[in-house]
Structure formats: structure tokens, C-alpha cells
């Protein structure tokens, strides 16, 4: 996690000194923000009152991964189906 934060922070910092396209820079900035928030969750686990809540969040995320896999497969099926229907309409 620290390597991701350091790498994306360096990319964003060095982009201030050069001419960098805006779209790839925004991708690096969004990765940096998400990584910093995840690292803050790690440090919030050190506070006694907040630690059980953070543990519950990680447990829920771990339990929901199989549901999300099935959901994404069904979403992709609908995307391909509507794409093929729309392609035939033209």
C-alpha cells in the first residue's frame, strides 16, 4: 500500500513540472485518494471505539465477494444482450 501511495504521489508531483495529459493524471490522482483512504482505515483500527466497526466493514466486504462475482457476470450478460439488440436495430 505504501508503494502505491508513494508511486502515485510522485507521478502527481512530477506532473506539476511537466506537460502531462489531464486524463491519465486524473486516474493516478483517483488511485492515490483511494489508497490514502484505505490506509486511514488501517490507522483507525488502533482506536478502541472504532476498531470493531472497521472489522465489521472488512468482514462484510470479504463475505460479499461471491455475490459481487455473480452480480457482475449477470450484468455483463445483460450488457452483451442489449448491445447485440441495439446493433441489430441500426
Protein backbone atom coordinates (compact mmCIF):
# COMPACT_ATOMS: atom_id res chain seq x y z
CA UNK A 1 0.00 0.00 0.00
CA UNK A 2 2.84 2.36 0.81
CA UNK A 3 4.46 1.72 -2.56
CA UNK A 4 1.21 2.57 -4.35
CA UNK A 5 0.83 5.79 -2.37
CA UNK A 6 4.45 6.77 -2.93
CA UNK A 7 4.39 5.95 -6.65
CA UNK A 8 1.17 7.77 -7.44
CA UNK A 9 2.22 10.72 -5.28
CA UNK A 10 5.47 11.01 -7.23
CA UNK A 11 3.61 10.87 -10.56
CA UNK A 12 1.21 13.61 -9.47
CA UNK A 13 4.04 15.74 -8.06
CA UNK A 14 6.25 15.46 -11.14
CA UNK A 15 3.28 16.24 -13.37
CA UNK A 16 3.32 19.77 -11.94
CA UNK A 17 6.71 20.35 -13.58
CA UNK A 18 5.89 18.93 -17.00
CA UNK A 19 3.25 18.92 -19.66
CA UNK A 20 1.14 15.86 -18.83
CA UNK A 21 -2.22 14.93 -20.33
CA UNK A 22 -5.08 15.53 -17.94
CA UNK A 23 -6.96 12.21 -18.25
CA UNK A 24 -4.09 9.87 -17.19
CA UNK A 25 -3.21 12.28 -14.39
CA UNK A 26 -6.78 12.10 -13.04
CA UNK A 27 -6.53 8.29 -12.98
CA UNK A 28 -3.37 8.47 -10.87
CA UNK A 29 -4.96 11.05 -8.58
CA UNK A 30 -8.03 8.87 -8.01
CA UNK A 31 -5.84 5.84 -7.22
CA UNK A 32 -3.89 7.98 -4.77
CA UNK A 33 -7.03 9.20 -2.99
CA UNK A 34 -8.46 5.68 -2.64
CA UNK A 35 -5.14 4.33 -1.34
CA UNK A 36 -4.86 7.10 1.25
CA UNK A 37 -8.40 6.43 2.49
CA UNK A 38 -7.70 2.69 2.81
CA UNK A 39 -4.54 3.46 4.76
CA UNK A 40 -6.53 5.73 7.07
CA UNK A 41 -8.88 2.79 7.76
CA UNK A 42 -5.84 0.82 8.88
CA UNK A 43 -4.86 3.54 11.35
CA UNK A 44 -8.44 3.95 12.58
CA UNK A 45 -8.30 0.33 13.75
CA UNK A 46 -5.95 1.49 16.50
CA UNK A 47 -8.74 3.48 18.19
CA UNK A 48 -10.66 1.23 20.56
CA UNK A 49 -14.15 2.57 19.84
CA UNK A 50 -13.78 2.49 16.05
CA UNK A 51 -11.87 -0.81 15.66
CA UNK A 52 -14.96 -3.09 15.83
CA UNK A 53 -16.70 -1.00 13.16
CA UNK A 54 -13.73 -1.25 10.80
CA UNK A 55 -13.55 -5.00 11.41
CA UNK A 56 -17.24 -5.32 10.55
CA UNK A 57 -16.69 -3.42 7.29
CA UNK A 58 -13.83 -5.73 6.26
CA UNK A 59 -15.89 -8.81 7.20
CA UNK A 60 -18.82 -7.63 5.09
CA UNK A 61 -16.55 -6.91 2.12
CA UNK A 62 -14.99 -10.37 2.44
CA UNK A 63 -18.40 -12.06 2.61
CA UNK A 64 -19.94 -10.17 -0.29
CA UNK A 65 -17.24 -11.02 -2.86
CA UNK A 66 -19.05 -14.14 -4.16
CA UNK A 67 -22.29 -12.23 -4.56
CA UNK A 68 -20.46 -9.47 -6.43
CA UNK A 69 -18.89 -12.03 -8.80
CA UNK A 70 -22.30 -13.46 -9.67
CA UNK A 71 -23.76 -9.96 -9.98
CA UNK A 72 -21.01 -8.82 -12.37
CA UNK A 73 -21.44 -11.90 -14.54
CA UNK A 74 -25.17 -11.25 -14.83
CA UNK A 75 -24.54 -7.56 -15.56
CA UNK A 76 -22.12 -8.49 -18.35
CA UNK A 77 -24.72 -10.86 -19.80
CA UNK A 78 -27.27 -8.03 -19.95
CA UNK A 79 -24.72 -5.64 -21.43
CA UNK A 80 -23.85 -8.04 -24.23
CA UNK A 81 -27.51 -8.85 -24.84
CA UNK A 82 -28.57 -5.21 -25.11
CA UNK A 83 -25.51 -4.43 -27.23
CA UNK A 84 -26.42 -7.12 -29.72
CA UNK A 85 -30.07 -6.00 -29.77
CA UNK A 86 -29.02 -2.38 -30.33
CA UNK A 87 -26.54 -3.38 -33.01
CA UNK A 88 -29.28 -5.16 -34.98
CA UNK A 89 -31.55 -2.08 -34.80
CA UNK A 90 -29.18 0.08 -36.86
